[in-house]
Amino acid sequence: MEDVILAGEPVRNRNVVLLVNMLGGDELSAKLERGLGDENAIVALSSADRQRIVAVLEHPPGELAGLRAVLVKQMKQQKERELRSDQRHRR
């Protein structure tokens, strides 16, 4: 297996390792390491995981820029869905 799917985006194993190192040994980095070790093709990310990755990738290396862009887009879409839901419930 050469890629892991994170947020629907294929990420090369070596770039997942780079991300793990950037995360600095937190719970999310352990989750990603388990995914690599278990050879999981897909690692599910929570909203908090997505926020953490975006934060650590504020100035992403080129290999991870695509992942950051996907996560930012997904987070924006989620926020928009939540706002629409809140507006519907207020009526």
Protein backbone atom coordinates (compact mmCIF):
# COMPACT_ATOMS: atom_id res chain seq x y z
CA MET A 1 0.00 0.00 0.00
CA GLU A 2 1.47 3.32 -1.06
CA ASP A 3 -1.34 5.69 -0.10
CA VAL A 4 -3.57 6.29 2.88
CA ILE A 5 -6.89 8.04 2.32
CA LEU A 6 -7.37 10.97 4.69
CA ALA A 7 -10.55 13.02 4.26
CA GLY A 8 -11.03 11.43 0.84
CA GLU A 9 -7.57 12.54 -0.28
CA PRO A 10 -4.88 9.98 -1.15
CA VAL A 11 -1.71 10.75 0.81
CA ARG A 12 1.54 8.89 0.22
CA ASN A 13 2.73 6.88 3.20
CA ARG A 14 5.93 8.92 3.42
CA ASN A 15 3.81 12.10 3.65
CA VAL A 16 1.67 10.56 6.38
CA VAL A 17 4.93 9.91 8.27
CA LEU A 18 5.88 13.57 7.70
CA LEU A 19 2.50 14.65 9.08
CA VAL A 20 2.91 12.33 12.08
CA ASN A 21 6.25 13.99 12.84
CA MET A 22 4.72 17.46 12.49
CA LEU A 23 1.96 16.53 14.95
CA GLY A 24 4.59 15.81 17.57
CA GLY A 25 3.41 12.62 19.21
CA ASP A 26 -0.16 13.57 20.09
CA GLU A 27 -3.22 11.29 19.98
CA LEU A 28 -3.83 12.05 16.30
CA SER A 29 -0.25 11.17 15.35
CA ALA A 30 -0.69 7.84 17.17
CA LYS A 31 -3.93 7.23 15.25
CA LEU A 32 -2.17 7.88 11.93
CA GLU A 33 0.75 5.66 12.92
CA ARG A 34 -1.67 2.84 13.76
CA GLY A 35 -3.26 3.27 10.35
CA LEU A 36 0.12 2.94 8.69
CA GLY A 37 1.15 0.00 10.85
CA ASP A 38 -2.14 -1.83 10.28
CA GLU A 39 -1.92 -0.98 6.56
CA ASN A 40 -5.35 0.65 6.66
CA ALA A 41 -6.22 2.18 3.31
CA ILE A 42 -8.53 4.71 4.99
CA VAL A 43 -8.10 6.53 8.30
CA ALA A 44 -11.26 8.27 9.49
CA LEU A 45 -10.79 11.80 10.77
CA SER A 46 -13.04 13.55 13.28
CA SER A 47 -13.76 17.26 13.08
CA ALA A 48 -11.18 17.82 15.81
CA ASP A 49 -8.62 15.77 13.84
CA ARG A 50 -9.24 17.91 10.76
CA GLN A 51 -8.82 21.11 12.75
CA ARG A 52 -5.58 19.84 14.29
CA ILE A 53 -4.13 18.91 10.90
CA VAL A 54 -5.08 22.27 9.37
CA ALA A 55 -3.44 24.03 12.33
CA VAL A 56 -0.21 22.07 12.03
CA LEU A 57 -0.20 22.58 8.25
CA GLU A 58 -0.51 26.36 8.41
CA HIS A 59 2.51 26.55 6.10
CA PRO A 60 2.42 23.06 4.59
CA PRO A 61 5.24 21.43 2.70
CA GLY A 62 4.24 20.99 -0.94
CA GLU A 63 3.49 17.30 -0.44
CA LEU A 64 0.75 18.10 2.08
CA ALA A 65 -0.69 21.27 0.55
CA GLY A 66 -3.43 19.31 -1.23
CA LEU A 67 -4.52 17.64 2.00
CA ARG A 68 -4.71 20.98 3.78
CA ALA A 69 -6.78 22.49 0.96
CA VAL A 70 -9.24 19.57 1.07
CA LEU A 71 -9.57 19.80 4.85
CA VAL A 72 -10.13 23.58 4.79
CA LYS A 73 -12.85 23.13 2.14
CA GLN A 74 -14.53 20.35 4.13
CA MET A 75 -14.44 22.39 7.34
CA LYS A 76 -15.99 25.37 5.54
CA GLN A 77 -18.75 23.16 4.10
CA GLN A 78 -19.45 21.69 7.54
CA LYS A 79 -19.70 25.16 9.08
CA GLU A 80 -22.10 26.23 6.33
CA ARG A 81 -24.28 23.14 6.92
CA GLU A 82 -24.35 23.89 10.65
CA LEU A 83 -25.34 27.51 10.02
CA ARG A 84 -28.17 26.46 7.69
CA SER A 85 -29.35 23.92 10.25
CA ASP A 86 -29.30 26.54 13.02
CA GLN A 87 -31.24 28.97 10.83
CA ARG A 88 -33.90 26.33 10.10
CA HIS A 89 -34.29 25.54 13.78
CA ARG A 90 -34.76 29.21 14.69
CA ARG A 91 -37.77 29.59 12.41
